[in-house]
C-alpha cells in the first residue's frame, strides 16, 4: 500500500537533515585518517544484524553459544596494504561482550594458520577488551601485510559463556569455534571442533594505504542476492567477490569491494530475522565505510514478495506483511540517493532481477526497473535484470543462471552479474556533495 504523502515528505526531509550532519562527521574522520600521508580504507565487511529473539526460533535463526571458547573466522580482503585494523560490533547486544584476546594470521587450510604471520591485535594498547552493548570497537594498527584475495583468520578468545546477539547470519563460509579455552594462538585447527556458517561480532577490516594510491571502497548493498545465498560454500562466489576478482584481473588494484548484503533484507521495512531496512541502515553499512567512493544498490524483491506471505504464529520473519507499489520503492531509492549525494558518494542502481513473480508483482518489478534505467536519478545503472533474464521468458532467470529456486542465481549467474558492472562507474570520482538528482550516467539497456 502506498504511504501517506505527507508522512513520506517529513521522513525524507528528516533523512536529508541527518545526512548533512553525517557528512561533516565523515569529513572530520577522513582528515584524521589521512594524517601522515596514508589513509585507512575498508578491505572486507559484513553487515551486522540482530539475532532473532523468540522462544520458537528454529535452530538456523539462533546464534551458536560460545562457552569460554575461541571463535576463529575466515575473511578474504579485497584490497592490499601493509597494515590492518579490525572492527568488532555488538550493535544489537544488550550486554557488554568481553574478549580476552584477539589474533589475526594468514590461513593455511581450514582452521589452521601460518604461525609466522600470527599477530596479537590490541585495542587502545590492551589485549583484553569489552565491546559495549550497542557499540563497536576498532583495533589499533596491526603490522601484517595484507594481500587481496588471500584469506585471513581472525580469532576471538571469548570470556565467559556468551550467546551472541549481533551476527551476520549467512557467511557462505565455514567458521570455527574451539573447545574451552584461549586458542587464539593455536597454529593447528585441532581445537576448533565446531563449525558455523555465520560471522559473530566481526563486521569489518581496514587496510592502511599510501594516499598517493587513491585507494577507495565500493560497497555492494542489498538482500540475499548480494549476500550470496545458494553460492558455493567456502568458494567466494558471491557477485561482489566476482567483481573484486574482475577488478584485480583488469589491473585495478586500488578499489576494494565490500559486501553489505543481508539475506531477506527489505528496502522499506525492518524484520525480526532479516535486519533493519536497507533505507535505515544505509548510512551505517554503506556510507560510513572507510574510504567509500561508490555504492551499488540492489534491493526490492523481498518488498514485493513478503507482503503476500500469510502471517503465521511463532517467529514470523516476514512481518510486516505490507504490499508495496512501484511508487513506494522509487521513494525509497530516492531517499538513498539523497543520503549518498549529501555525503559526496556515487550511487549506482541495480535493476531487480527476475524471480518468476506472479503477473501483478512482475508488473511492479518491470515498472521499477524502467524507472531505474531511464529516470537518471541514480548516477549509473547496472542492468542485472538484462544480464540474468531468459530472453524467451523475461520474468525468469536463464536456466544456467538459476540456482534452482528461481530467485537466487547460481555461481555462473553471480559471475554474470559481476560481468555486467561497467568498471568505469566504479572508477569515477565522486563530485562535490549535492542534495540534487543523480548525474545521469545511466547505462543503456533494452527493456524486456
Foldseek 3Di string as FASTA:
>chain_A
DDDPPVVLVVVLVVLLVVLLVVLVVLVVVQVVQCPPQKHKFFFEFEAKFFQQDFPPDDPLSFFDKAAQWKWKDKDAGLAWAQKKKFKFAQQAPPAKWKWQWKKKAFDDDDRAGDLVQIDTWAFVNHGIDIAGHNGMGMTDIDRGTHDGGTMMMMMTRTPGIDGGRMWQSAQLEKIFIFDHDDCNSPRDDPRGDDIHRIGGRTTTMIHMDRVVLLAAEEEEEEAVLLVPPLEHRPPQLRLLSLLSVVCVVVVNRRYHYYYHYWHLEAQPQAFSRGHGHCLVCVCVRAVSGTRHAEYEYAHDPSLQPLLPDDDDPTRDRSPPNDHDALVNVVSSVLSSLLSQLSNLHAYEYEQHAAQLDPPVSVVRSLVNNVCSQPVLQHQEYQYLLQQFADPVGSNFGDVQQCSPNRHHGYSVSSSSSSVSDDVVSVPDGGDHRDSDGYPSHYDDDDRD
